[in-house]
Amino acid sequence: MGDLTTTIKRVQPADTPSETKARERIARLTMPPGALGRLLELGVRLAGITRSITPPTARKTIVTMAGDHGVVAEGVSAFPQEVTPQMVHNFVAGGAAINVLSRLVGAAVVVVDMGVAADLSALAEAGKIVSKKIAPGTQNMAAGPAMTREQAVAAVEAGIDVVEGLCSTGLDILGAGDMGIGNTTPSAAIAAVITGRSVREVTGRGTGVDDKGLDRKVAAIEKAIAVNRPDPSDPMDVLSKVGGFEIGGLAGCVLGAAANRKPVLIDGLISTAGALIAARLCPAAAEYIIASHHSVEIGHRAMLEEIGVEPLLDLDMRLGEGTGAALAMNLVEAAKRILTEMATFDDAHVSTQLSD
């Protein structure tokens, strides 16, 4: 399993000389300065992440981490917990939104059981999912810690291990996705603790709870924070007390990608909660994070700002699974192709002189 301490030590800041070379090339491309806007800066970021002005982008994988949450006992979700394993089976069958969008962009989907409250061993034994199950769901964080600190470390290291395995067989772009009924509740709790904002300010409707459901959700998070008193300066304490196994796994995915100099596209609220934990564990890892979109979940923007990334898309999405990451992969590919395939003024014999 990927060691957390060793992985963090391997993460280095993005390469400034490669970014400079990319900017120099972009300045010579056949267009007015900055005409392709943020797509150009994305190309520069890819160069810095990969240490190359011809960054590889062909091999794409979405890792969808699945886990259940004891806090559903507080009535925080509009759907029952049984939906989590049912959706894992849907992923395996290729019928979910993430499967559709991944096929569109030519990305593989790897489903990881981080802590689903059901027996998925048959799928794992058949090689259809990866089993990294820490436990069959977290404990109810409104009554005590969601997990032990040892379990939190194991979850992060499981995510690192998954990415190390992908890198060993070929990976250029990683997408981070999630599945787990109730998982917007721990994600909002993480947002509140680390950003210092009020619970109400960062808690949305998740699967679509009504006003009473939203009030129960806010109350459950406030109770969890009061009972557990997570330390905002200690990301592993936050993860263990009010987090989730798949959130820990997602944090590990970010760290593993950063250690291997791979861009990681985060999705919505849940994968961003994992990315925020990763960025607090290792600030340099934030330089490898690309925010795919802005979720309608109200805590998402606060976490993106805390990490220091700006989302590429804003489509009023809130599904998760890695769907936003899949959609943004074509933008990453476009940025690379502009950087590497577009002609310079010299190549195209186009004048750069201003007319009188």
Protein backbone atom coordinates (compact mmCIF):
# COMPACT_ATOMS: atom_id res chain seq x y z
CA MET A 1 0.00 0.00 0.00
CA GLY A 2 1.20 3.52 -0.76
CA ASP A 3 2.80 5.05 2.31
CA LEU A 4 1.35 8.45 3.20
CA THR A 5 4.51 10.03 4.58
CA THR A 6 6.68 8.80 1.70
CA THR A 7 4.14 9.96 -0.89
CA ILE A 8 3.92 13.45 0.57
CA LYS A 9 7.72 13.72 0.47
CA ARG A 10 7.65 12.81 -3.24
CA VAL A 11 5.34 15.69 -4.16
CA GLN A 12 7.26 18.59 -5.65
CA PRO A 13 5.95 21.98 -6.81
CA ALA A 14 5.01 22.26 -10.48
CA ASP A 15 7.97 22.98 -12.75
CA THR A 16 8.38 26.72 -13.37
CA PRO A 17 10.88 26.41 -16.28
CA SER A 18 8.41 24.20 -18.19
CA GLU A 19 5.66 26.72 -17.53
CA THR A 20 7.92 29.51 -18.83
CA LYS A 21 8.68 27.56 -22.02
CA ALA A 22 4.96 26.94 -22.54
CA ARG A 23 4.17 30.64 -22.12
CA GLU A 24 6.93 31.55 -24.57
CA ARG A 25 5.50 29.20 -27.17
CA ILE A 26 1.94 30.43 -26.57
CA ALA A 27 3.13 34.01 -27.11
CA ARG A 28 4.23 33.02 -30.63
CA LEU A 29 1.03 31.22 -31.64
CA THR A 30 -1.03 32.59 -34.53
CA MET A 31 -3.61 34.56 -32.57
CA PRO A 32 -3.90 37.80 -30.64
CA PRO A 33 -2.38 37.62 -27.14
CA GLY A 34 -4.63 35.73 -24.74
CA ALA A 35 -7.31 35.12 -27.37
CA LEU A 36 -8.11 31.62 -26.09
CA GLY A 37 -8.36 32.83 -22.51
CA ARG A 38 -8.12 30.30 -19.70
CA LEU A 39 -7.50 27.46 -22.14
CA LEU A 40 -4.00 28.84 -22.57
CA GLU A 41 -3.32 28.97 -18.86
CA LEU A 42 -4.53 25.38 -18.63
CA GLY A 43 -1.89 24.45 -21.18
CA VAL A 44 0.75 26.21 -19.09
CA ARG A 45 -0.40 24.32 -15.99
CA LEU A 46 -0.18 21.00 -17.83
CA ALA A 47 3.39 21.82 -18.83
CA GLY A 48 4.31 22.59 -15.23
CA ILE A 49 2.60 19.47 -13.89
CA THR A 50 4.19 17.08 -16.39
CA ARG A 51 7.54 18.89 -16.81
CA SER A 52 6.96 18.93 -20.57
CA ILE A 53 5.66 21.35 -23.21
CA THR A 54 4.22 18.29 -24.95
CA PRO A 55 2.21 16.93 -22.01
CA PRO A 56 0.74 13.45 -22.53
CA THR A 57 -3.06 13.28 -22.31
CA ALA A 58 -4.13 10.13 -24.15
CA ARG A 59 -4.56 7.71 -21.23
CA LYS A 60 -7.50 8.86 -19.11
CA THR A 61 -9.06 7.16 -16.10
CA ILE A 62 -11.90 8.12 -13.77
CA VAL A 63 -11.61 6.58 -10.30
CA THR A 64 -15.01 6.44 -8.61
CA MET A 65 -14.64 5.85 -4.88
CA ALA A 66 -17.67 4.34 -3.12
CA GLY A 67 -18.50 4.33 0.58
CA ASP A 68 -21.40 4.52 3.02
CA HIS A 69 -21.98 6.77 6.01
CA GLY A 70 -23.42 6.12 9.45
CA VAL A 71 -24.78 9.66 9.59
CA VAL A 72 -27.65 8.63 7.28
CA ALA A 73 -29.32 7.51 10.53
CA GLU A 74 -29.92 11.22 11.17
CA GLY A 75 -32.24 11.50 8.15
CA VAL A 76 -29.84 13.55 6.05
CA SER A 77 -30.54 11.94 2.66
CA ALA A 78 -33.56 11.65 0.38
CA PHE A 79 -32.43 8.16 -0.69
CA PRO A 80 -31.86 4.97 1.33
CA GLN A 81 -28.37 3.56 1.86
CA GLU A 82 -29.21 0.56 -0.33
CA VAL A 83 -28.75 2.82 -3.35
CA THR A 84 -24.96 2.83 -2.90
CA PRO A 85 -24.37 -0.86 -3.79
CA GLN A 86 -27.11 -0.69 -6.40
CA MET A 87 -25.25 2.14 -8.12
CA VAL A 88 -21.97 0.22 -7.92
CA HIS A 89 -23.67 -2.56 -9.87
CA ASN A 90 -24.94 0.07 -12.33
CA PHE A 91 -21.37 1.35 -12.82
CA VAL A 92 -20.18 -2.18 -13.49
CA ALA A 93 -22.98 -2.69 -16.01
CA GLY A 94 -21.99 0.53 -17.78
CA GLY A 95 -25.36 2.21 -17.32
CA ALA A 96 -24.56 5.22 -15.13
CA ALA A 97 -23.89 8.80 -16.21
CA ILE A 98 -20.19 8.41 -15.51
CA ASN A 99 -20.04 5.44 -17.89
CA VAL A 100 -21.76 7.41 -20.65
CA LEU A 101 -19.53 10.47 -20.30
CA SER A 102 -16.36 8.42 -19.90
CA ARG A 103 -17.10 6.59 -23.13
CA LEU A 104 -17.54 9.98 -24.78
CA VAL A 105 -14.05 11.12 -23.81
CA GLY A 106 -12.33 7.76 -24.07
CA ALA A 107 -11.71 7.34 -20.35
CA ALA A 108 -11.68 4.10 -18.37
CA VAL A 109 -13.76 3.89 -15.19
CA VAL A 110 -12.32 2.20 -12.10
CA VAL A 111 -14.79 1.66 -9.26
CA VAL A 112 -13.29 1.26 -5.78
CA ASP A 113 -15.16 -0.10 -2.76
CA MET A 114 -13.77 1.98 0.07
CA GLY A 115 -16.49 1.15 2.57
CA VAL A 116 -19.84 0.21 1.08
CA ALA A 117 -22.24 -1.25 3.64
CA ALA A 118 -22.85 -4.34 1.50
CA ASP A 119 -20.92 -7.41 0.39
CA LEU A 120 -19.35 -6.60 -2.98
CA SER A 121 -16.73 -9.34 -2.81
CA ALA A 122 -18.11 -11.15 -5.85
CA LEU A 123 -17.57 -8.07 -8.01
CA ALA A 124 -14.05 -7.66 -6.64
CA GLU A 125 -13.19 -11.31 -7.17
CA ALA A 126 -14.43 -11.05 -10.76
CA GLY A 127 -12.14 -8.08 -11.32
CA LYS A 128 -15.04 -5.71 -11.96
CA ILE A 129 -14.26 -3.40 -9.04
CA VAL A 130 -11.28 -2.80 -6.78
CA SER A 131 -11.79 -3.64 -3.11
CA LYS A 132 -10.09 -1.37 -0.58
CA LYS A 133 -12.87 -1.68 1.99
CA ILE A 134 -11.87 -0.17 5.31
CA ALA A 135 -15.17 -1.10 7.01
CA PRO A 136 -18.83 -1.48 5.93
CA GLY A 137 -19.57 2.23 6.28
CA THR A 138 -18.43 4.85 8.74
CA GLN A 139 -19.89 5.35 12.21
CA ASN A 140 -22.51 8.02 12.84
CA MET A 141 -20.41 11.16 13.18
CA ALA A 142 -23.25 12.90 15.03
CA ALA A 143 -22.64 10.49 17.92
CA GLY A 144 -18.84 10.19 17.77
CA PRO A 145 -15.93 9.95 15.34
CA ALA A 146 -16.78 8.71 11.86
CA MET A 147 -13.69 6.48 11.96
CA THR A 148 -10.47 5.98 13.86
CA ARG A 149 -7.37 7.90 12.88
CA GLU A 150 -5.81 4.61 11.77
CA GLN A 151 -8.75 4.00 9.45
CA ALA A 152 -8.41 7.52 8.06
CA VAL A 153 -4.75 6.93 7.24
CA ALA A 154 -5.62 3.56 5.71
CA ALA A 155 -8.26 5.21 3.49
CA VAL A 156 -5.82 7.83 2.19
CA GLU A 157 -3.14 5.21 1.61
CA ALA A 158 -5.66 3.05 -0.26
CA GLY A 159 -6.29 5.93 -2.66
CA ILE A 160 -2.56 6.40 -3.15
CA ASP A 161 -2.23 2.69 -3.86
CA VAL A 162 -4.95 2.78 -6.52
CA VAL A 163 -3.22 5.63 -8.35
CA GLU A 164 0.20 3.98 -8.08
CA GLY A 165 -1.30 0.92 -9.74
CA LEU A 166 -2.79 3.00 -12.55
CA CYS A 167 0.50 4.81 -13.10
CA SER A 168 2.34 1.50 -13.36
CA THR A 169 0.09 0.41 -16.24
CA GLY A 170 -0.24 3.82 -17.93
CA LEU A 171 -2.00 6.99 -16.82
CA ASP A 172 -1.88 10.55 -18.16
CA ILE A 173 -5.01 12.20 -16.71
CA LEU A 174 -6.84 11.17 -13.55
CA GLY A 175 -10.46 12.03 -12.80
CA ALA A 176 -11.73 11.77 -9.21
CA GLY A 177 -15.31 10.68 -8.60
CA ASP A 178 -17.50 9.38 -5.78
CA MET A 179 -20.57 7.38 -4.85
CA GLY A 180 -22.15 7.12 -1.42
CA ILE A 181 -25.56 7.96 -0.04
CA GLY A 182 -25.15 10.63 2.63
CA ASN A 183 -21.70 11.76 1.50
CA THR A 184 -22.55 15.43 1.02
CA THR A 185 -23.02 15.59 4.80
CA PRO A 186 -19.41 14.77 5.78
CA SER A 187 -18.21 16.84 2.83
CA ALA A 188 -20.08 19.88 4.12
CA ALA A 189 -18.72 19.17 7.61
CA ILE A 190 -15.17 19.17 6.23
CA ALA A 191 -15.89 22.42 4.40
CA ALA A 192 -17.21 24.08 7.54
CA VAL A 193 -14.33 22.96 9.76
CA ILE A 194 -11.48 23.80 7.37
CA THR A 195 -12.85 27.03 5.86
CA GLY A 196 -14.24 28.34 9.16
CA ARG A 197 -17.61 29.10 7.60
CA SER A 198 -20.90 28.32 9.32
CA VAL A 199 -22.49 24.93 8.68
CA ARG A 200 -25.58 26.57 7.16
CA GLU A 201 -23.33 28.49 4.77
CA VAL A 202 -21.78 25.37 3.25
CA THR A 203 -24.58 22.79 3.45
CA GLY A 204 -26.77 22.07 0.43
CA ARG A 205 -29.62 19.70 -0.38
CA GLY A 206 -27.50 16.80 -1.63
CA THR A 207 -29.81 14.21 -3.15
CA GLY A 208 -32.67 16.69 -2.95
CA VAL A 209 -33.88 16.87 0.63
CA ASP A 210 -36.74 19.25 1.42
CA ASP A 211 -36.51 22.15 3.86
CA LYS A 212 -37.04 19.91 6.89
CA GLY A 213 -34.44 17.50 5.58
CA LEU A 214 -31.98 20.35 5.10
CA ASP A 215 -32.59 21.47 8.69
CA ARG A 216 -31.91 17.92 9.92
CA LYS A 217 -28.73 17.82 7.85
CA VAL A 218 -27.45 21.12 9.23
CA ALA A 219 -28.31 20.03 12.77
CA ALA A 220 -26.51 16.70 12.31
CA ILE A 221 -23.35 18.44 11.08
CA GLU A 222 -23.44 21.01 13.86
CA LYS A 223 -23.86 18.20 16.39
CA ALA A 224 -21.00 16.22 14.83
CA ILE A 225 -18.66 19.20 15.04
CA ALA A 226 -19.69 19.93 18.63
CA VAL A 227 -19.33 16.30 19.71
CA ASN A 228 -16.04 15.59 17.95
CA ARG A 229 -14.34 18.99 17.98
CA PRO A 230 -12.19 18.31 14.89
CA ASP A 231 -8.96 20.30 14.74
CA PRO A 232 -8.94 22.40 11.52
CA SER A 233 -5.13 22.51 11.61
CA ASP A 234 -4.95 18.69 11.49
CA PRO A 235 -6.53 17.35 8.26
CA MET A 236 -6.33 13.72 9.41
CA ASP A 237 -8.22 14.66 12.58
CA VAL A 238 -10.90 16.32 10.46
CA LEU A 239 -11.13 13.32 8.13
CA SER A 240 -11.33 10.79 10.96
CA LYS A 241 -13.93 12.66 12.97
CA VAL A 242 -16.33 13.99 10.31
CA GLY A 243 -15.18 12.46 7.03
CA GLY A 244 -15.81 9.35 4.95
CA PHE A 245 -13.80 6.43 3.64
CA GLU A 246 -14.28 7.45 0.01
CA ILE A 247 -13.31 11.03 0.87
CA GLY A 248 -10.07 9.72 2.35
CA GLY A 249 -9.55 7.61 -0.74
CA LEU A 250 -10.06 10.66 -2.94
CA ALA A 251 -7.48 12.58 -0.89
CA GLY A 252 -5.11 9.71 -1.56
CA CYS A 253 -5.87 9.88 -5.28
CA VAL A 254 -4.85 13.53 -5.34
CA LEU A 255 -1.64 12.85 -3.43
CA GLY A 256 -0.80 9.86 -5.61
CA ALA A 257 -1.36 11.86 -8.78
CA ALA A 258 0.77 14.74 -7.50
CA ALA A 259 3.60 12.40 -6.48
CA ASN A 260 3.57 10.94 -10.00
CA ARG A 261 3.29 14.34 -11.74
CA LYS A 262 -0.16 13.65 -13.16
CA PRO A 263 -2.99 16.20 -13.43
CA VAL A 264 -6.03 15.25 -11.36
CA LEU A 265 -9.45 16.56 -12.33
CA ILE A 266 -11.68 16.87 -9.30
CA ASP A 267 -15.45 16.74 -9.65
CA GLY A 268 -17.98 18.22 -7.25
CA LEU A 269 -18.45 18.60 -3.51
CA ILE A 270 -17.23 15.20 -2.38
CA SER A 271 -14.08 14.88 -4.49
CA THR A 272 -13.27 18.48 -3.63
CA ALA A 273 -13.55 17.64 0.08
CA GLY A 274 -10.97 14.93 -0.56
CA ALA A 275 -8.81 17.35 -2.51
CA LEU A 276 -9.01 19.87 0.33
CA ILE A 277 -7.78 17.25 2.79
CA ALA A 278 -4.94 16.41 0.39
CA ALA A 279 -3.99 20.07 -0.07
CA ARG A 280 -3.88 20.57 3.69
CA LEU A 281 -1.73 17.46 4.13
CA CYS A 282 0.60 18.59 1.33
CA PRO A 283 0.18 22.18 0.02
CA ALA A 284 2.25 21.44 -3.12
CA ALA A 285 -0.40 18.90 -4.17
CA ALA A 286 -2.79 21.77 -4.91
CA GLU A 287 -0.70 22.62 -7.98
CA TYR A 288 -1.76 19.32 -9.56
CA ILE A 289 -5.49 19.86 -9.00
CA ILE A 290 -7.69 20.99 -11.89
CA ALA A 291 -11.25 21.91 -10.90
CA SER A 292 -13.56 20.54 -13.57
CA HIS A 293 -16.73 22.42 -12.71
CA HIS A 294 -18.65 24.44 -10.15
CA SER A 295 -21.29 22.32 -8.43
CA VAL A 296 -24.62 23.80 -7.32
CA GLU A 297 -23.85 22.41 -3.84
CA ILE A 298 -23.27 25.63 -1.92
CA GLY A 299 -20.17 24.48 -0.04
CA HIS A 300 -18.29 23.70 -3.23
CA ARG A 301 -17.17 27.24 -4.03
CA ALA A 302 -15.83 27.74 -0.50
CA MET A 303 -13.62 24.65 -0.80
CA LEU A 304 -12.40 25.56 -4.30
CA GLU A 305 -11.40 28.98 -3.00
CA GLU A 306 -9.60 27.39 -0.06
CA ILE A 307 -7.61 25.17 -2.42
CA GLY A 308 -7.02 28.10 -4.80
CA VAL A 309 -8.45 26.68 -8.03
CA GLU A 310 -11.00 28.07 -10.48
CA PRO A 311 -13.49 25.67 -12.10
CA LEU A 312 -13.49 25.21 -15.86
CA LEU A 313 -17.23 24.65 -16.29
CA ASP A 314 -20.45 25.82 -14.65
CA LEU A 315 -23.34 23.62 -15.79
CA ASP A 316 -25.50 23.48 -12.64
CA MET A 317 -24.39 19.90 -12.03
CA ARG A 318 -24.40 18.05 -8.70
CA LEU A 319 -24.38 14.34 -9.56
CA GLY A 320 -20.86 13.36 -8.58
CA GLU A 321 -19.51 10.00 -9.81
CA GLY A 322 -16.75 11.89 -11.64
CA THR A 323 -19.13 13.24 -14.29
CA GLY A 324 -17.75 16.79 -14.20
CA ALA A 325 -14.20 15.46 -14.41
CA ALA A 326 -15.11 13.41 -17.48
CA LEU A 327 -16.68 16.40 -19.23
CA ALA A 328 -13.62 18.56 -18.55
CA MET A 329 -11.18 16.02 -19.95
CA ASN A 330 -11.79 17.25 -23.48
CA LEU A 331 -10.85 20.75 -22.33
CA VAL A 332 -7.57 19.39 -20.98
CA GLU A 333 -6.99 17.65 -24.29
CA ALA A 334 -7.83 20.87 -26.16
CA ALA A 335 -5.36 22.87 -24.07
CA LYS A 336 -2.61 20.36 -24.82
CA ARG A 337 -3.37 20.39 -28.55
CA ILE A 338 -3.35 24.18 -28.77
CA LEU A 339 0.02 24.18 -27.03
CA THR A 340 1.53 21.48 -29.22
CA GLU A 341 -0.24 21.58 -32.59
CA MET A 342 -1.10 25.22 -33.31
CA ALA A 343 1.33 26.99 -35.65
CA THR A 344 3.51 29.86 -34.52
CA PHE A 345 3.73 33.08 -36.52
CA ASP A 346 7.09 31.91 -37.87
CA ASP A 347 5.72 28.47 -38.83
CA ALA A 348 2.78 29.97 -40.71
CA HIS A 349 4.71 32.94 -42.16
CA VAL A 350 2.17 35.31 -40.63
CA SER A 351 3.29 38.88 -40.02
CA THR A 352 3.41 40.21 -36.48
CA GLN A 353 3.98 43.82 -37.54
CA LEU A 354 1.35 46.42 -36.79
CA SER A 355 0.04 48.32 -39.82
CA ASP A 356 0.45 52.11 -40.00
